N, C-alpha and C. Protein backbone atom coordinates (compact mmCIF):
# COMPACT_ATOMS: atom_id res chain seq x y z
N MET A 1 -14.83 149.14 5.07
CA MET A 1 -16.36 148.80 5.36
C MET A 1 -16.88 147.91 4.33
N LEU A 2 -16.49 148.07 3.04
CA LEU A 2 -17.03 147.32 1.98
C LEU A 2 -16.85 145.75 2.24
N LEU A 3 -15.72 145.45 2.67
CA LEU A 3 -15.50 143.91 2.95
C LEU A 3 -16.33 143.41 3.94
N THR A 4 -16.57 144.23 4.99
CA THR A 4 -17.64 143.86 6.05
C THR A 4 -18.98 143.71 5.48
N TRP A 5 -19.43 144.58 4.67
CA TRP A 5 -20.74 144.42 4.03
C TRP A 5 -20.87 143.24 3.14
N ILE A 6 -19.77 142.92 2.41
CA ILE A 6 -19.74 141.75 1.59
C ILE A 6 -19.98 140.49 2.43
N ALA A 7 -19.14 140.48 3.47
CA ALA A 7 -19.36 139.28 4.43
C ALA A 7 -20.72 139.07 5.01
N GLU A 8 -21.35 140.24 5.41
CA GLU A 8 -22.63 140.25 5.95
C GLU A 8 -23.78 139.77 5.04
N VAL A 9 -23.55 139.88 3.76
CA VAL A 9 -24.51 139.31 2.83
C VAL A 9 -24.75 137.83 3.12
N ALA A 10 -23.64 137.10 3.48
CA ALA A 10 -23.79 135.63 3.67
C ALA A 10 -24.75 135.22 4.77
N ASP A 11 -24.97 136.18 5.72
CA ASP A 11 -25.80 135.99 6.87
C ASP A 11 -27.25 136.61 6.76
N GLU A 12 -27.49 137.30 5.64
CA GLU A 12 -28.77 137.95 5.48
C GLU A 12 -29.88 136.89 5.17
N PRO A 13 -31.23 137.25 5.26
CA PRO A 13 -32.27 136.31 4.88
C PRO A 13 -32.01 135.76 3.50
N LEU A 14 -32.38 134.47 3.24
CA LEU A 14 -32.17 133.81 1.99
C LEU A 14 -33.48 133.02 1.65
N VAL A 15 -34.00 133.38 0.56
CA VAL A 15 -35.18 132.69 0.01
C VAL A 15 -34.88 132.20 -1.37
N LEU A 16 -35.17 130.86 -1.53
CA LEU A 16 -35.15 130.24 -2.82
C LEU A 16 -36.44 129.63 -3.08
N GLU A 17 -37.24 130.13 -4.04
CA GLU A 17 -38.55 129.91 -4.30
C GLU A 17 -38.76 130.07 -5.83
N PRO A 18 -38.43 128.91 -6.57
CA PRO A 18 -38.57 129.10 -8.11
C PRO A 18 -39.97 129.58 -8.54
N ALA A 19 -40.99 129.35 -7.78
CA ALA A 19 -42.33 129.74 -8.27
C ALA A 19 -42.56 131.25 -7.93
N ASP A 20 -41.71 131.93 -7.23
CA ASP A 20 -41.83 133.32 -6.83
C ASP A 20 -40.49 134.07 -7.01
N ARG A 21 -40.16 134.29 -8.19
CA ARG A 21 -38.81 134.95 -8.51
C ARG A 21 -38.79 136.35 -7.99
N GLN A 22 -39.96 136.96 -7.90
CA GLN A 22 -40.00 138.40 -7.33
C GLN A 22 -39.58 138.31 -5.92
N MET A 23 -40.11 137.42 -5.18
CA MET A 23 -39.83 137.33 -3.76
C MET A 23 -38.24 136.93 -3.64
N GLU A 24 -37.63 136.18 -4.42
CA GLU A 24 -36.23 135.94 -4.34
C GLU A 24 -35.44 137.24 -4.56
N LEU A 25 -35.80 137.94 -5.59
CA LEU A 25 -35.18 139.18 -5.97
C LEU A 25 -35.28 140.21 -4.75
N ASP A 26 -36.47 140.34 -4.27
CA ASP A 26 -36.64 141.28 -3.20
C ASP A 26 -35.88 140.98 -1.91
N THR A 27 -35.78 139.65 -1.63
CA THR A 27 -35.06 139.16 -0.37
C THR A 27 -33.60 139.10 -0.61
N ASN A 28 -33.17 138.66 -1.76
CA ASN A 28 -31.79 138.15 -1.96
C ASN A 28 -30.88 139.16 -2.78
N THR A 29 -31.22 140.36 -3.01
CA THR A 29 -30.45 141.31 -3.79
C THR A 29 -30.01 142.34 -2.86
N TRP A 30 -28.68 142.62 -3.05
CA TRP A 30 -28.03 143.65 -2.16
C TRP A 30 -27.18 144.60 -3.00
N TRP A 31 -27.18 145.94 -2.57
CA TRP A 31 -26.52 146.97 -3.18
C TRP A 31 -25.40 147.46 -2.24
N LEU A 32 -24.17 147.36 -2.77
CA LEU A 32 -23.01 147.67 -1.94
C LEU A 32 -22.32 148.89 -2.49
N SER A 33 -22.15 149.89 -1.75
CA SER A 33 -21.39 151.11 -2.01
C SER A 33 -20.10 151.19 -1.42
N ALA A 34 -19.25 152.03 -1.95
CA ALA A 34 -17.90 152.01 -1.34
C ALA A 34 -18.06 153.23 -0.25
N ALA A 35 -17.55 152.88 0.98
CA ALA A 35 -17.43 153.89 2.01
C ALA A 35 -16.12 154.74 1.58
N GLU A 36 -16.21 155.98 2.07
CA GLU A 36 -15.20 156.96 1.84
C GLU A 36 -13.70 156.32 2.06
N GLY A 37 -12.98 156.33 1.00
CA GLY A 37 -11.58 155.81 1.07
C GLY A 37 -11.48 154.39 0.63
N ASP A 38 -12.66 153.60 0.57
CA ASP A 38 -12.60 152.22 0.05
C ASP A 38 -12.02 152.09 -1.24
N ARG A 39 -12.32 152.83 -2.20
CA ARG A 39 -11.88 152.73 -3.59
C ARG A 39 -10.39 152.75 -3.71
N GLU A 40 -9.76 153.67 -2.86
CA GLU A 40 -8.41 153.87 -2.91
C GLU A 40 -7.65 152.82 -2.09
N SER A 41 -8.22 152.39 -1.04
CA SER A 41 -7.49 151.52 -0.11
C SER A 41 -7.68 149.98 -0.31
N LEU A 42 -8.68 149.62 -1.00
CA LEU A 42 -8.94 148.24 -1.35
C LEU A 42 -8.29 147.67 -2.58
N SER A 43 -7.83 146.49 -2.57
CA SER A 43 -7.36 145.92 -3.72
C SER A 43 -8.38 145.02 -4.37
N VAL A 44 -8.24 144.79 -5.74
CA VAL A 44 -9.18 143.98 -6.31
C VAL A 44 -9.21 142.60 -5.80
N SER A 45 -7.99 142.04 -5.49
CA SER A 45 -7.94 140.68 -4.92
C SER A 45 -8.59 140.56 -3.58
N GLU A 46 -8.48 141.66 -2.81
CA GLU A 46 -9.23 141.64 -1.48
C GLU A 46 -10.75 141.51 -1.64
N VAL A 47 -11.28 142.26 -2.59
CA VAL A 47 -12.80 142.38 -2.77
C VAL A 47 -13.29 141.04 -3.44
N VAL A 48 -12.42 140.48 -4.34
CA VAL A 48 -12.78 139.26 -5.06
C VAL A 48 -12.82 138.14 -3.94
N ALA A 49 -11.75 138.04 -3.11
CA ALA A 49 -11.70 136.99 -2.01
C ALA A 49 -12.91 137.15 -1.10
N ALA A 50 -13.28 138.40 -0.80
CA ALA A 50 -14.48 138.54 0.10
C ALA A 50 -15.69 137.97 -0.53
N PHE A 51 -15.83 138.22 -1.86
CA PHE A 51 -17.11 137.65 -2.53
C PHE A 51 -16.97 136.22 -2.68
N GLU A 52 -15.85 135.63 -2.87
CA GLU A 52 -15.70 134.19 -3.01
C GLU A 52 -16.03 133.51 -1.64
N ARG A 53 -15.65 134.15 -0.54
CA ARG A 53 -16.01 133.56 0.82
C ARG A 53 -17.52 133.67 1.02
N THR A 54 -18.15 134.75 0.60
CA THR A 54 -19.57 135.00 0.81
C THR A 54 -20.31 133.90 -0.09
N ALA A 55 -19.80 133.77 -1.34
CA ALA A 55 -20.49 132.75 -2.21
C ALA A 55 -20.39 131.36 -1.64
N ALA A 56 -19.28 130.95 -1.09
CA ALA A 56 -19.09 129.59 -0.49
C ALA A 56 -20.01 129.48 0.72
N ALA A 57 -20.02 130.56 1.51
CA ALA A 57 -20.93 130.53 2.67
C ALA A 57 -22.52 130.32 2.24
N ILE A 58 -22.91 131.05 1.18
CA ILE A 58 -24.20 130.85 0.75
C ILE A 58 -24.47 129.52 0.17
N ARG A 59 -23.51 128.88 -0.50
CA ARG A 59 -23.65 127.57 -1.02
C ARG A 59 -23.86 126.65 0.27
N GLY A 60 -23.10 126.85 1.28
CA GLY A 60 -23.43 126.02 2.51
C GLY A 60 -24.80 126.20 3.03
N ARG A 61 -25.25 127.41 3.06
CA ARG A 61 -26.56 127.70 3.54
C ARG A 61 -27.70 127.07 2.72
N VAL A 62 -27.50 127.07 1.37
CA VAL A 62 -28.44 126.53 0.45
C VAL A 62 -28.50 125.00 0.71
N ARG A 63 -27.39 124.44 0.88
CA ARG A 63 -27.44 122.91 1.19
C ARG A 63 -28.10 122.63 2.50
N GLU A 64 -27.84 123.48 3.56
CA GLU A 64 -28.47 123.30 4.79
C GLU A 64 -30.02 123.49 4.77
N LEU A 65 -30.42 124.34 3.82
CA LEU A 65 -31.89 124.54 3.65
C LEU A 65 -32.51 123.23 2.85
N GLY A 66 -31.65 122.41 2.31
CA GLY A 66 -32.19 121.23 1.58
C GLY A 66 -32.72 121.60 0.31
N PHE A 67 -32.32 122.73 -0.32
CA PHE A 67 -32.88 123.09 -1.61
C PHE A 67 -32.21 122.16 -2.64
N ALA A 68 -33.02 121.55 -3.47
CA ALA A 68 -32.53 120.61 -4.46
C ALA A 68 -32.80 121.33 -5.87
N GLY A 69 -31.93 121.90 -6.45
CA GLY A 69 -32.08 122.47 -7.70
C GLY A 69 -31.03 123.45 -8.06
N VAL A 70 -31.16 124.09 -9.22
CA VAL A 70 -30.17 125.09 -9.75
C VAL A 70 -30.39 126.35 -8.88
N ALA A 71 -29.24 126.88 -8.45
CA ALA A 71 -29.18 128.21 -7.76
C ALA A 71 -27.87 128.90 -8.14
N THR A 72 -27.97 130.19 -8.27
CA THR A 72 -26.75 130.94 -8.68
C THR A 72 -26.59 132.15 -7.83
N PHE A 73 -25.33 132.46 -7.27
CA PHE A 73 -25.03 133.61 -6.60
C PHE A 73 -24.40 134.48 -7.71
N TYR A 74 -24.57 135.72 -7.91
CA TYR A 74 -24.06 136.52 -8.92
C TYR A 74 -23.85 137.89 -8.55
N VAL A 75 -22.74 138.55 -9.16
CA VAL A 75 -22.27 139.95 -8.86
C VAL A 75 -22.15 140.72 -10.05
N TRP A 76 -22.60 141.85 -9.98
CA TRP A 76 -22.38 142.80 -11.22
C TRP A 76 -22.07 144.27 -10.65
N HIS A 77 -21.49 145.07 -11.49
CA HIS A 77 -21.34 146.45 -11.25
C HIS A 77 -22.34 147.32 -11.88
N ASP A 78 -23.16 147.95 -11.13
CA ASP A 78 -24.10 148.86 -11.58
C ASP A 78 -23.43 150.22 -11.77
N GLU A 79 -22.97 150.41 -13.02
CA GLU A 79 -22.16 151.60 -13.28
C GLU A 79 -22.90 152.85 -13.11
N GLN A 80 -24.14 152.95 -13.39
CA GLN A 80 -24.82 154.20 -13.23
C GLN A 80 -25.03 154.62 -11.77
N ALA A 81 -25.19 153.60 -10.94
CA ALA A 81 -25.36 153.80 -9.47
C ALA A 81 -24.01 153.86 -8.71
N GLY A 82 -22.98 153.40 -9.49
CA GLY A 82 -21.72 153.31 -8.85
C GLY A 82 -21.68 152.27 -7.65
N GLN A 83 -22.36 151.17 -7.87
CA GLN A 83 -22.44 150.15 -6.75
C GLN A 83 -22.03 148.67 -7.34
N LEU A 84 -21.60 147.90 -6.37
CA LEU A 84 -21.64 146.54 -6.62
C LEU A 84 -22.96 145.95 -6.16
N ARG A 85 -23.56 145.13 -6.99
CA ARG A 85 -24.69 144.44 -6.60
C ARG A 85 -24.64 142.99 -6.65
N CYS A 86 -25.22 142.24 -5.68
CA CYS A 86 -25.13 140.86 -5.84
C CYS A 86 -26.52 140.25 -5.48
N SER A 87 -26.80 139.02 -5.89
CA SER A 87 -28.11 138.42 -5.63
C SER A 87 -27.84 136.80 -5.70
N THR A 88 -28.83 136.15 -5.14
CA THR A 88 -28.92 134.72 -5.24
C THR A 88 -30.32 134.32 -5.75
N GLY A 89 -30.32 133.49 -6.74
CA GLY A 89 -31.64 133.06 -7.35
C GLY A 89 -31.60 131.67 -7.79
N SER A 90 -32.78 131.03 -7.79
CA SER A 90 -32.97 129.75 -8.30
C SER A 90 -33.01 129.72 -9.75
N VAL A 91 -32.03 130.11 -10.44
CA VAL A 91 -31.94 130.35 -11.82
C VAL A 91 -30.49 129.81 -12.27
N ALA A 92 -30.41 129.41 -13.54
CA ALA A 92 -29.16 129.11 -14.21
C ALA A 92 -28.36 130.36 -14.61
N PRO A 93 -27.11 130.47 -14.73
CA PRO A 93 -26.36 131.54 -15.07
C PRO A 93 -26.82 132.22 -16.45
N ASP A 94 -27.39 131.45 -17.31
CA ASP A 94 -27.95 131.96 -18.64
C ASP A 94 -29.44 132.48 -18.46
N ALA A 95 -29.91 132.44 -17.32
CA ALA A 95 -31.32 132.97 -17.21
C ALA A 95 -31.52 133.97 -16.15
N LEU A 96 -30.42 134.72 -15.83
CA LEU A 96 -30.53 135.76 -14.73
C LEU A 96 -31.51 136.79 -15.16
N PRO A 97 -32.16 137.48 -14.25
CA PRO A 97 -33.31 138.40 -14.43
C PRO A 97 -32.78 139.81 -14.75
N PHE A 98 -32.01 139.97 -15.89
CA PHE A 98 -31.56 141.29 -16.37
C PHE A 98 -32.42 141.55 -17.66
N GLY A 99 -32.70 142.85 -17.82
CA GLY A 99 -33.41 143.33 -18.96
C GLY A 99 -32.50 143.56 -20.13
N GLY A 100 -31.11 143.76 -19.87
CA GLY A 100 -30.27 144.01 -20.96
C GLY A 100 -29.33 142.78 -21.19
N ASN A 101 -28.40 142.96 -22.10
CA ASN A 101 -27.52 141.88 -22.45
C ASN A 101 -26.33 141.78 -21.33
N TYR A 102 -26.11 140.63 -20.94
CA TYR A 102 -25.11 140.42 -19.97
C TYR A 102 -24.37 139.18 -20.34
N ALA A 103 -23.08 139.13 -19.87
CA ALA A 103 -22.15 138.06 -20.10
C ALA A 103 -21.80 137.37 -18.79
N ALA A 104 -22.35 136.15 -18.62
CA ALA A 104 -21.93 135.34 -17.39
C ALA A 104 -20.49 134.97 -17.52
N CYS A 105 -19.82 135.17 -16.44
CA CYS A 105 -18.31 134.97 -16.46
C CYS A 105 -17.90 134.33 -15.15
N ASP A 106 -16.79 133.70 -15.21
CA ASP A 106 -16.21 133.02 -13.97
C ASP A 106 -15.12 133.79 -13.32
N ASP A 107 -14.86 134.96 -13.88
CA ASP A 107 -13.77 135.80 -13.38
C ASP A 107 -14.40 137.10 -12.88
N LEU A 108 -14.26 137.24 -11.57
CA LEU A 108 -14.86 138.42 -10.88
C LEU A 108 -14.00 139.79 -11.02
N ARG A 109 -12.72 139.55 -11.38
CA ARG A 109 -11.78 140.61 -11.36
C ARG A 109 -12.29 141.77 -12.27
N PRO A 110 -12.74 141.56 -13.43
CA PRO A 110 -13.20 142.80 -14.28
C PRO A 110 -14.29 143.51 -13.71
N VAL A 111 -15.15 142.84 -13.07
CA VAL A 111 -16.31 143.49 -12.47
C VAL A 111 -15.88 144.36 -11.22
N VAL A 112 -14.96 143.88 -10.42
CA VAL A 112 -14.47 144.62 -9.35
C VAL A 112 -13.59 145.79 -9.77
N GLU A 113 -12.80 145.52 -10.78
CA GLU A 113 -11.83 146.58 -11.27
C GLU A 113 -12.65 147.82 -11.73
N GLY A 114 -13.76 147.56 -12.54
CA GLY A 114 -14.57 148.67 -12.93
C GLY A 114 -15.21 149.38 -11.75
N PHE A 115 -15.64 148.61 -10.74
CA PHE A 115 -16.20 149.38 -9.53
C PHE A 115 -15.21 150.14 -8.83
N LEU A 116 -14.00 149.56 -8.61
CA LEU A 116 -13.00 150.30 -7.79
C LEU A 116 -12.47 151.48 -8.65
N ALA A 117 -12.44 151.44 -9.93
CA ALA A 117 -12.01 152.62 -10.78
C ALA A 117 -13.11 153.56 -10.87
N ASP A 118 -14.29 153.24 -10.50
CA ASP A 118 -15.51 153.99 -10.51
C ASP A 118 -15.84 154.48 -12.00
N SER A 119 -15.52 153.54 -12.90
CA SER A 119 -15.73 153.80 -14.36
C SER A 119 -17.10 153.51 -14.79
N GLU A 120 -17.52 154.19 -15.91
CA GLU A 120 -18.81 154.04 -16.53
C GLU A 120 -18.64 153.76 -18.03
N PRO A 121 -18.09 152.68 -18.46
CA PRO A 121 -17.89 152.49 -19.87
C PRO A 121 -19.09 151.99 -20.53
N GLU A 122 -20.22 151.57 -19.80
CA GLU A 122 -21.44 151.14 -20.43
C GLU A 122 -21.20 149.97 -21.35
N SER A 123 -20.53 148.87 -20.92
CA SER A 123 -20.15 147.79 -21.83
C SER A 123 -21.41 146.96 -22.06
N ASP A 124 -21.50 146.58 -23.36
CA ASP A 124 -22.66 145.79 -23.71
C ASP A 124 -22.13 144.53 -24.54
N PRO A 125 -22.26 143.34 -23.97
CA PRO A 125 -22.96 142.97 -22.77
C PRO A 125 -22.14 143.34 -21.45
N PHE A 126 -22.76 143.58 -20.43
CA PHE A 126 -21.91 143.85 -19.19
C PHE A 126 -21.68 142.50 -18.39
N PRO A 127 -20.43 142.52 -17.87
CA PRO A 127 -20.03 141.25 -17.27
C PRO A 127 -20.84 140.94 -15.80
N VAL A 128 -21.11 139.80 -15.69
CA VAL A 128 -21.79 139.32 -14.33
C VAL A 128 -21.10 138.00 -13.87
N TRP A 129 -20.53 138.09 -12.64
CA TRP A 129 -19.82 136.94 -12.11
C TRP A 129 -20.87 136.02 -11.62
N VAL A 130 -20.68 134.72 -11.85
CA VAL A 130 -21.72 133.78 -11.46
C VAL A 130 -20.90 132.69 -10.71
N TYR A 131 -21.60 132.09 -9.65
CA TYR A 131 -21.13 131.11 -8.94
C TYR A 131 -22.29 130.15 -8.52
N SER A 132 -22.16 128.93 -8.86
CA SER A 132 -23.21 127.98 -8.53
C SER A 132 -23.22 127.65 -7.05
N VAL A 133 -24.44 127.82 -6.60
CA VAL A 133 -24.66 127.57 -5.11
C VAL A 133 -25.73 126.42 -4.85
N GLY A 134 -26.29 125.97 -5.98
CA GLY A 134 -27.33 124.94 -5.91
C GLY A 134 -26.82 123.58 -5.84
N THR A 135 -27.68 122.56 -5.70
CA THR A 135 -27.28 121.19 -5.73
C THR A 135 -27.17 120.57 -7.12
N SER A 136 -27.82 121.34 -7.99
CA SER A 136 -27.85 120.87 -9.47
C SER A 136 -27.05 121.95 -10.20
N ARG A 137 -26.44 121.57 -11.29
CA ARG A 137 -25.69 122.53 -12.05
C ARG A 137 -26.27 122.58 -13.39
């Protein structure tokens, strides 16, 4: 189920409006939980590949929209909720809307490993996988 939900994110409504970051967050943020058995049956590489396909599809959609600017698709593990979360915003990787310390990274594996292991190490800063989907970097 999780792989299907990740794929569906690419087809959900997408808003890129730098003047209204709250609207972007409300529209473009997704909470993904593991269905029963997903944590045991899925591999890290399967989940990483699903997110990479979704990010590439979102990049294509951003270009089709004609959005000219910086935009980032990002994924993190909300350890307290036991969920993977992802969002797209018209922000650079170093300006993501988190209240706490985070570390933008280009390797999604540690994020997915923590989720599949259902761990709560409360790392500070917590890792956030970032993928440029905008036309500017």
